[in-house]
C-alpha atoms as a PDB file:
ATOM      1  CA  MET A   1     -20.474  -0.258  -0.694  1.00  0.00           C
ATOM      2  CA  ALA A   2     -21.210  -3.020  -3.257  1.00  0.00           C
ATOM      3  CA  ASP A   3     -17.555  -3.833  -3.847  1.00  0.00           C
ATOM      4  CA  ASP A   4     -16.651  -6.457  -1.350  1.00  0.00           C
ATOM      5  CA  THR A   5     -13.131  -7.399  -2.346  1.00  0.00           C
ATOM      6  CA  ILE A   6     -10.082  -5.653  -3.425  1.00  0.00           C
ATOM      7  CA  TYR A   7     -10.331  -7.477  -6.783  1.00  0.00           C
ATOM      8  CA  ASP A   8     -13.246  -5.221  -7.838  1.00  0.00           C
ATOM      9  CA  PHE A   9     -10.862  -2.253  -8.278  1.00  0.00           C
ATOM     10  CA  SER A  10      -8.605  -0.888 -10.916  1.00  0.00           C
ATOM     11  CA  VAL A  11      -5.900   1.687 -10.243  1.00  0.00           C
ATOM     12  CA  ARG A  12      -3.409   3.717 -12.271  1.00  0.00           C
ATOM     13  CA  ALA A  13      -0.168   1.850 -12.640  1.00  0.00           C
ATOM     14  CA  GLN A  14       3.223   3.669 -12.233  1.00  0.00           C
ATOM     15  CA  ASN A  15       3.430   3.890 -16.053  1.00  0.00           C
ATOM     16  CA  GLY A  16      -0.093   5.524 -16.149  1.00  0.00           C
ATOM     17  CA  GLU A  17      -1.947   2.574 -17.549  1.00  0.00           C
ATOM     18  CA  THR A  18      -4.972   1.027 -15.823  1.00  0.00           C
ATOM     19  CA  ALA A  19      -4.131  -1.968 -13.706  1.00  0.00           C
ATOM     20  CA  ALA A  20      -6.879  -4.367 -12.496  1.00  0.00           C
ATOM     21  CA  LEU A  21      -6.249  -5.574  -8.957  1.00  0.00           C
ATOM     22  CA  SER A  22      -7.837  -8.805  -9.952  1.00  0.00           C
ATOM     23  CA  GLN A  23      -4.405  -9.812 -11.250  1.00  0.00           C
ATOM     24  CA  TYR A  24      -3.510 -10.335  -7.480  1.00  0.00           C
ATOM     25  CA  ARG A  25      -6.373 -12.771  -6.904  1.00  0.00           C
ATOM     26  CA  GLY A  26      -5.326 -15.565  -4.511  1.00  0.00           C
ATOM     27  CA  LYS A  27      -2.471 -13.587  -3.033  1.00  0.00           C
ATOM     28  CA  VAL A  28      -1.928 -12.072   0.390  1.00  0.00           C
ATOM     29  CA  LEU A  29      -1.561  -8.278  -0.051  1.00  0.00           C
ATOM     30  CA  LEU A  30      -0.145  -5.413   1.920  1.00  0.00           C
ATOM     31  CA  VAL A  31      -1.401  -2.075   0.621  1.00  0.00           C
ATOM     32  CA  VAL A  32       0.630   0.921   1.693  1.00  0.00           C
ATOM     33  CA  ASN A  33       0.455   4.697   1.127  1.00  0.00           C
ATOM     34  CA  THR A  34       4.003   5.882   0.958  1.00  0.00           C
ATOM     35  CA  ALA A  35       6.230   9.065   0.657  1.00  0.00           C
ATOM     36  CA  THR A  36       9.809   9.466  -0.243  1.00  0.00           C
ATOM     37  CA  GLY A  37      10.529  12.350   2.211  1.00  0.00           C
ATOM     38  CA  CYS A  38       8.752  11.121   5.269  1.00  0.00           C
ATOM     39  CA  GLY A  39      10.198  10.036   8.697  1.00  0.00           C
ATOM     40  CA  PHE A  40       8.779   6.671   7.962  1.00  0.00           C
ATOM     41  CA  THR A  41      10.422   6.344   4.516  1.00  0.00           C
ATOM     42  CA  PRO A  42      13.149   3.981   5.861  1.00  0.00           C
ATOM     43  CA  GLN A  43      10.297   1.478   6.254  1.00  0.00           C
ATOM     44  CA  TYR A  44      10.792   0.843   2.498  1.00  0.00           C
ATOM     45  CA  GLU A  45      13.792  -1.295   3.598  1.00  0.00           C
ATOM     46  CA  GLY A  46      11.610  -3.406   5.903  1.00  0.00           C
ATOM     47  CA  LEU A  47       8.936  -3.636   3.318  1.00  0.00           C
ATOM     48  CA  GLU A  48      11.412  -4.950   0.664  1.00  0.00           C
ATOM     49  CA  THR A  49      12.745  -7.471   3.225  1.00  0.00           C
ATOM     50  CA  LEU A  50       9.239  -8.743   3.931  1.00  0.00           C
ATOM     51  CA  TYR A  51       8.486  -8.921   0.191  1.00  0.00           C
ATOM     52  CA  LYS A  52      11.570 -10.944  -0.528  1.00  0.00           C
ATOM     53  CA  LYS A  53      10.869 -13.292   2.331  1.00  0.00           C
ATOM     54  CA  TYR A  54       7.291 -14.131   1.249  1.00  0.00           C
ATOM     55  CA  GLN A  55       6.943 -13.231  -2.440  1.00  0.00           C
ATOM     56  CA  ASP A  56       7.446 -16.902  -3.510  1.00  0.00           C
ATOM     57  CA  ARG A  57       4.589 -17.972  -1.152  1.00  0.00           C
ATOM     58  CA  GLY A  58       2.055 -15.690  -2.741  1.00  0.00           C
ATOM     59  CA  PHE A  59       2.716 -12.288  -1.075  1.00  0.00           C
ATOM     60  CA  GLU A  60       2.537  -8.900  -2.754  1.00  0.00           C
ATOM     61  CA  ILE A  61       3.022  -5.359  -1.539  1.00  0.00           C
ATOM     62  CA  LEU A  62       1.049  -2.674  -3.383  1.00  0.00           C
ATOM     63  CA  ASP A  63       2.825   0.734  -2.973  1.00  0.00           C
ATOM     64  CA  PHE A  64       0.754   3.939  -3.529  1.00  0.00           C
ATOM     65  CA  PRO A  65       2.783   7.020  -3.179  1.00  0.00           C
ATOM     66  CA  CYS A  66       0.744   9.958  -1.649  1.00  0.00           C
ATOM     67  CA  ASN A  67       1.676  13.569  -1.428  1.00  0.00           C
ATOM     68  CA  GLN A  68      -1.252  14.596   0.858  1.00  0.00           C
ATOM     69  CA  PHE A  69       0.773  14.696   4.088  1.00  0.00           C
ATOM     70  CA  ALA A  70       3.138  17.723   4.311  1.00  0.00           C
ATOM     71  CA  GLY A  71       4.060  17.350   0.669  1.00  0.00           C
ATOM     72  CA  GLN A  72       6.399  14.486   1.487  1.00  0.00           C
ATOM     73  CA  ALA A  73       6.015  12.663  -1.885  1.00  0.00           C
ATOM     74  CA  PRO A  74       7.065  15.409  -4.382  1.00  0.00           C
ATOM     75  CA  GLY A  75       8.030  14.615  -7.950  1.00  0.00           C
ATOM     76  CA  SER A  76       6.610  12.686 -10.791  1.00  0.00           C
ATOM     77  CA  ASP A  77       5.705   8.994 -10.637  1.00  0.00           C
ATOM     78  CA  ASP A  78       9.025   8.211 -12.476  1.00  0.00           C
ATOM     79  CA  GLU A  79      11.095  10.266 -10.054  1.00  0.00           C
ATOM     80  CA  ILE A  80       9.475   8.586  -7.020  1.00  0.00           C
ATOM     81  CA  HIS A  81       9.998   5.121  -8.530  1.00  0.00           C
ATOM     82  CA  SER A  82      13.642   5.874  -9.435  1.00  0.00           C
ATOM     83  CA  PHE A  83      14.296   7.063  -5.844  1.00  0.00           C
ATOM     84  CA  CYS A  84      12.753   3.946  -4.271  1.00  0.00           C
ATOM     85  CA  VAL A  85      14.600   1.555  -6.594  1.00  0.00           C
ATOM     86  CA  GLY A  86      17.879   3.437  -6.204  1.00  0.00           C
ATOM     87  CA  ARG A  87      17.764   4.007  -2.467  1.00  0.00           C
ATOM     88  CA  PHE A  88      16.014   0.836  -1.331  1.00  0.00           C
ATOM     89  CA  ALA A  89      16.380  -1.617  -4.182  1.00  0.00           C
ATOM     90  CA  MET A  90      12.561  -1.846  -4.087  1.00  0.00           C
ATOM     91  CA  THR A  91      11.124  -4.651  -6.258  1.00  0.00           C
ATOM     92  CA  PHE A  92       7.469  -4.795  -5.265  1.00  0.00           C
ATOM     93  CA  PRO A  93       4.788  -3.029  -7.471  1.00  0.00           C
ATOM     94  CA  GLN A  94       4.479   0.675  -7.145  1.00  0.00           C
ATOM     95  CA  PHE A  95       1.536   2.487  -8.516  1.00  0.00           C
ATOM     96  CA  SER A  96       0.839   6.066  -9.606  1.00  0.00           C
ATOM     97  CA  LYS A  97       0.630   8.784  -6.925  1.00  0.00           C
ATOM     98  CA  ILE A  98      -2.871   8.964  -5.407  1.00  0.00           C
ATOM     99  CA  ASP A  99      -4.904  10.908  -2.762  1.00  0.00           C
ATOM    100  CA  VAL A 100      -6.070   8.752   0.121  1.00  0.00           C
ATOM    101  CA  ASN A 101      -8.274  11.364   1.873  1.00  0.00           C
ATOM    102  CA  GLY A 102     -10.727  14.001   0.793  1.00  0.00           C
ATOM    103  CA  LYS A 103     -13.002  14.561  -2.245  1.00  0.00           C
ATOM    104  CA  ASP A 104     -10.294  13.201  -4.698  1.00  0.00           C
ATOM    105  CA  ALA A 105      -9.485  10.098  -2.628  1.00  0.00           C
ATOM    106  CA  ASP A 106      -8.892   7.105  -4.837  1.00  0.00           C
ATOM    107  CA  PRO A 107     -11.949   4.716  -4.723  1.00  0.00           C
ATOM    108  CA  LEU A 108      -9.630   1.927  -3.545  1.00  0.00           C
ATOM    109  CA  TYR A 109      -8.783   3.893  -0.385  1.00  0.00           C
ATOM    110  CA  VAL A 110     -12.392   4.919   0.107  1.00  0.00           C
ATOM    111  CA  TRP A 111     -13.201   1.222   0.163  1.00  0.00           C
ATOM    112  CA  LEU A 112     -10.151   0.231   2.387  1.00  0.00           C
ATOM    113  CA  LYS A 113     -11.075   2.903   4.907  1.00  0.00           C
ATOM    114  CA  SER A 114     -14.707   1.732   4.939  1.00  0.00           C
ATOM    115  CA  LYS A 115     -13.572  -1.782   5.863  1.00  0.00           C
ATOM    116  CA  LYS A 116     -11.175  -0.858   8.599  1.00  0.00           C
ATOM    117  CA  SER A 117     -11.167   2.470  10.321  1.00  0.00           C
ATOM    118  CA  GLY A 118      -8.140   3.628  12.235  1.00  0.00           C
ATOM    119  CA  ILE A 119      -7.558   5.473  15.423  1.00  0.00           C
ATOM    120  CA  GLY A 120      -9.566   8.622  15.209  1.00  0.00           C
ATOM    121  CA  GLY A 121     -11.937   7.294  12.428  1.00  0.00           C
ATOM    122  CA  ASP A 122     -11.736   6.582   8.702  1.00  0.00           C
ATOM    123  CA  ARG A 123      -9.131   9.181   7.613  1.00  0.00           C
ATOM    124  CA  ILE A 124      -5.686   8.069   6.812  1.00  0.00           C
ATOM    125  CA  LYS A 125      -3.597   9.799   9.483  1.00  0.00           C
ATOM    126  CA  TRP A 126      -0.218   9.714   7.766  1.00  0.00           C
ATOM    127  CA  ASN A 127       2.019   8.003   5.162  1.00  0.00           C
ATOM    128  CA  PHE A 128       2.891   4.279   5.694  1.00  0.00           C
ATOM    129  CA  THR A 129      -0.573   3.281   6.801  1.00  0.00           C
ATOM    130  CA  LYS A 130      -0.919  -0.381   5.884  1.00  0.00           C
ATOM    131  CA  PHE A 131      -3.829  -2.596   5.128  1.00  0.00           C
ATOM    132  CA  LEU A 132      -3.383  -6.479   5.190  1.00  0.00           C
ATOM    133  CA  ILE A 133      -5.667  -8.302   2.713  1.00  0.00           C
ATOM    134  CA  ASP A 134      -6.222 -12.038   2.719  1.00  0.00           C
ATOM    135  CA  ARG A 135      -6.150 -14.409  -0.262  1.00  0.00           C
ATOM    136  CA  ASP A 136      -9.921 -13.858  -0.717  1.00  0.00           C
ATOM    137  CA  GLY A 137      -9.531 -10.096  -1.242  1.00  0.00           C
ATOM    138  CA  HIS A 138     -10.829  -9.062   2.237  1.00  0.00           C
ATOM    139  CA  VAL A 139      -9.256  -6.434   4.519  1.00  0.00           C
ATOM    140  CA  ILE A 140      -8.016  -8.313   7.615  1.00  0.00           C
ATOM    141  CA  GLU A 141      -6.213  -5.553   9.578  1.00  0.00           C
ATOM    142  CA  ARG A 142      -5.139  -1.913   9.368  1.00  0.00           C
ATOM    143  CA  PHE A 143      -1.867  -0.784  10.800  1.00  0.00           C
ATOM    144  CA  ALA A 144      -0.736   2.697  11.797  1.00  0.00           C
ATOM    145  CA  SER A 145       2.340   4.366  10.261  1.00  0.00           C
ATOM    146  CA  GLN A 146       4.366   3.552  13.315  1.00  0.00           C
ATOM    147  CA  THR A 147       3.826  -0.178  12.839  1.00  0.00           C
ATOM    148  CA  THR A 148       6.889  -1.475  11.142  1.00  0.00           C
ATOM    149  CA  PRO A 149       6.981  -4.170   8.537  1.00  0.00           C
ATOM    150  CA  GLU A 150       8.885  -6.362  10.994  1.00  0.00           C
ATOM    151  CA  GLN A 151       6.053  -6.036  13.491  1.00  0.00           C
ATOM    152  CA  ILE A 152       3.554  -7.498  11.026  1.00  0.00           C
ATOM    153  CA  ASP A 153       5.751 -10.306   9.685  1.00  0.00           C
ATOM    154  CA  GLU A 154       3.933 -13.003  11.826  1.00  0.00           C
ATOM    155  CA  LYS A 155       0.528 -11.702  10.676  1.00  0.00           C
ATOM    156  CA  VAL A 156       1.570 -11.956   6.995  1.00  0.00           C
ATOM    157  CA  ALA A 157       3.006 -15.449   7.548  1.00  0.00           C
ATOM    158  CA  ALA A 158      -0.234 -16.633   9.244  1.00  0.00           C
ATOM    159  CA  LEU A 159      -2.235 -15.687   6.130  1.00  0.00           C
ATOM    160  CA  LEU A 160       0.188 -17.514   3.823  1.00  0.00           C
END
């Protein structure tokens, strides 16, 4: 694929407007597909802790709700956002709900998966799959759903 950095993509913001990911140029990013009714949903707490710890050093978490796995992200973008803010005091950017697999997969996720495949291939296996992006916009590592934010703290710190 011609796009070689995350900055070449635009996505739909939580409010429905187009958001250029180039606005995050020069930052370390953690891109996560999430769900509000998943066994991994409590990871929002760890993600928020990680975000608060490193945000002032140039770290951003980009949250993409996804309802492709057992319908675990029901509701509108507003309902999902209200849940995350109310339940986990989430402050990092959350975008509009997307597909991460299949014919309707968001181009960002097609690109992410092409850069780092996971166990069993390119498909995203479940919610809370994480991609760590360096300050130059390149995918450094992919983490499975079971990998907690606490387990990747050192890897984030090393890129900052």
